[in-house]
Protein backbone atom coordinates (compact mmCIF):
# COMPACT_ATOMS: atom_id res chain seq x y z
CA MET A 1 -16.95 13.09 -16.36
CA HIS A 2 -13.39 14.16 -16.88
CA LEU A 3 -10.02 14.25 -15.12
CA VAL A 4 -8.14 17.42 -14.27
CA PRO A 5 -4.46 17.12 -13.31
CA VAL A 6 -3.69 19.83 -10.75
CA PRO A 7 -0.29 21.55 -11.02
CA SER A 8 1.62 21.52 -7.74
CA THR A 9 1.32 25.31 -7.49
CA LEU A 10 -2.50 25.07 -7.49
CA VAL A 11 -3.01 22.20 -5.04
CA ASP A 12 -3.82 24.53 -2.14
CA GLN A 13 -6.45 26.30 -4.25
CA HIS A 14 -8.25 23.01 -5.01
CA TRP A 15 -7.61 21.04 -1.81
CA GLN A 16 -10.91 21.97 -0.18
CA GLU A 17 -12.73 20.27 -3.08
CA VAL A 18 -11.07 16.92 -2.38
CA GLU A 19 -10.11 16.96 1.28
CA GLY A 20 -13.18 15.01 2.38
CA TYR A 21 -12.52 12.27 -0.17
CA VAL A 22 -8.87 12.04 0.88
CA GLN A 23 -9.81 11.92 4.58
CA LYS A 24 -12.27 9.11 3.96
CA ALA A 25 -9.72 7.15 1.91
CA CYS A 26 -7.11 7.59 4.64
CA LYS A 27 -9.51 6.21 7.24
CA ARG A 28 -10.64 3.21 5.16
CA GLY A 29 -7.57 2.43 3.07
CA PRO A 30 -4.44 0.42 3.82
CA LEU A 31 -1.84 3.21 3.71
CA ASP A 32 -0.63 5.19 6.70
CA GLY A 33 -0.51 8.66 5.10
CA THR A 34 -2.60 11.55 6.37
CA PRO A 35 -4.50 14.10 4.27
CA ASP A 36 -1.95 16.75 5.28
CA GLU A 37 0.93 14.54 4.13
CA TYR A 38 -0.72 13.84 0.77
CA LYS A 39 -1.42 17.54 0.29
CA ALA A 40 2.17 18.48 1.13
CA ASN A 41 3.54 15.83 -1.25
CA CYS A 42 1.30 17.10 -4.05
CA GLU A 43 2.41 20.68 -3.38
CA ARG A 44 6.06 19.61 -3.49
CA GLY A 45 5.54 17.73 -6.75
CA PHE A 46 6.26 14.32 -5.22
CA ASN A 47 2.67 13.23 -5.90
CA GLN A 48 0.12 14.26 -8.53
CA LEU A 49 -3.40 15.32 -7.58
CA TRP A 50 -6.16 14.59 -10.08
CA LEU A 51 -9.69 15.97 -9.77
CA VAL A 52 -12.61 13.95 -11.08
CA ARG A 53 -15.28 16.32 -12.30
CA HIS A 54 -18.85 16.10 -13.53
CA PRO A 55 -19.55 17.94 -16.80
CA ASN A 56 -20.96 20.80 -14.71
CA THR A 57 -17.45 21.15 -13.16
CA ASN A 58 -18.41 19.95 -9.67
CA THR A 59 -15.64 17.80 -8.23
CA CYS A 60 -16.88 14.30 -7.39
CA GLY A 61 -13.61 12.48 -6.77
CA ALA A 62 -9.90 12.64 -6.10
CA ILE A 63 -6.95 10.58 -7.21
CA VAL A 64 -3.45 10.96 -5.83
CA THR A 65 -0.62 9.23 -7.67
CA GLY A 66 3.12 8.97 -7.28
CA ILE A 67 5.90 7.52 -9.43
CA SER A 68 8.58 5.27 -7.97
CA SER A 69 11.09 3.18 -9.95
CA GLY A 70 9.03 3.21 -13.14
CA VAL A 71 5.78 2.32 -11.39
CA LEU A 72 2.85 4.70 -11.11
CA GLU A 73 1.38 4.20 -7.67
CA GLY A 74 -2.27 4.93 -7.05
CA LEU A 75 -2.22 6.13 -3.47
CA ILE A 76 -5.73 7.56 -3.22
CA VAL A 77 -8.71 6.75 -5.45
CA ALA A 78 -11.87 8.07 -3.82
CA GLY A 79 -15.11 9.83 -4.60
CA ASP A 80 -18.80 9.73 -5.33
CA ASP A 81 -20.40 7.91 -8.26
CA MET A 82 -17.20 5.94 -8.85
CA PRO A 83 -18.75 3.44 -11.28
CA GLU A 84 -19.43 6.41 -13.57
CA TRP A 85 -15.79 7.53 -13.70
CA ILE A 86 -13.52 4.61 -12.84
CA HIS A 87 -12.91 4.15 -16.59
CA LEU A 88 -11.05 7.48 -16.53
CA LEU A 89 -8.13 5.67 -14.91
CA SER A 90 -7.11 4.74 -18.46
CA GLN A 91 -6.14 8.40 -18.98
CA ILE A 92 -3.83 8.22 -15.98
CA GLU A 93 -2.41 4.96 -17.35
CA ASP A 94 -1.67 6.75 -20.66
CA TRP A 95 0.00 9.59 -18.73
CA ALA A 96 2.04 7.03 -16.78
CA ARG A 97 3.28 5.48 -20.04
CA GLU A 98 4.36 8.96 -21.19
CA GLN A 99 6.30 9.30 -17.92
CA GLY A 100 8.13 6.03 -18.64
CA CYS A 101 6.18 3.80 -16.26
CA SER A 102 5.75 0.12 -17.03
CA LYS A 103 3.13 -0.62 -14.35
CA VAL A 104 0.39 0.91 -12.30
CA ARG A 105 0.05 -0.29 -8.73
CA ALA A 106 -2.77 0.64 -6.38
CA TYR A 107 -2.83 0.14 -2.65
CA THR A 108 -6.43 -0.54 -1.84
CA ARG A 109 -8.96 -2.33 0.24
CA LYS A 110 -10.51 -5.56 -1.00
CA GLY A 111 -13.82 -3.95 -1.98
CA MET A 112 -12.13 -1.79 -4.61
CA THR A 113 -11.08 -4.87 -6.58
CA LYS A 114 -14.71 -5.15 -7.71
CA ARG A 115 -14.47 -1.73 -9.37
CA MET A 116 -10.94 -2.03 -10.76
CA THR A 117 -11.56 -5.21 -12.72
CA THR A 118 -8.74 -4.81 -15.24
CA TYR A 119 -6.21 -5.05 -12.40
CA SER A 120 -4.99 -8.32 -10.93
CA THR A 121 -5.21 -8.80 -7.17
CA ARG A 122 -2.06 -9.45 -5.16
CA GLY A 123 -3.25 -9.24 -1.58
CA ILE A 124 -4.51 -5.72 -1.24
CA ILE A 125 -2.09 -4.43 -3.83
CA ILE A 126 -3.56 -4.41 -7.33
CA GLU A 127 -1.55 -3.64 -10.40
CA LYS A 128 -1.70 -3.51 -14.17
CA VAL A 129 1.16 -3.86 -16.64
CA LEU A 130 1.09 -1.00 -19.14
């Protein structure tokens, strides 16, 4: 498994690969955003789209992040076979450090806390100091 950061100019080209994951996360997660809003924000460069891919290059997950006041916010973390790739979040954490972030914060549902065990739970907001 590996992560692929998608440049804002290529979001439209890759959106079909992740749209179902983003739709599902929007329905089940705590945030109010819609798939169209997340796509538009990624295209504008306000958010970063990350593809999670199997070695055979099939996309099996999507991550959408944003940076606000030195905090990398995980807005969408969704996909298939998540236990096999959740460790890849460390690469996004490294990228966040390079961007000057001091924390990662994820807005999630309670069930995700079981998968994101290196994060501390604060209600349904989980975060990790970098």
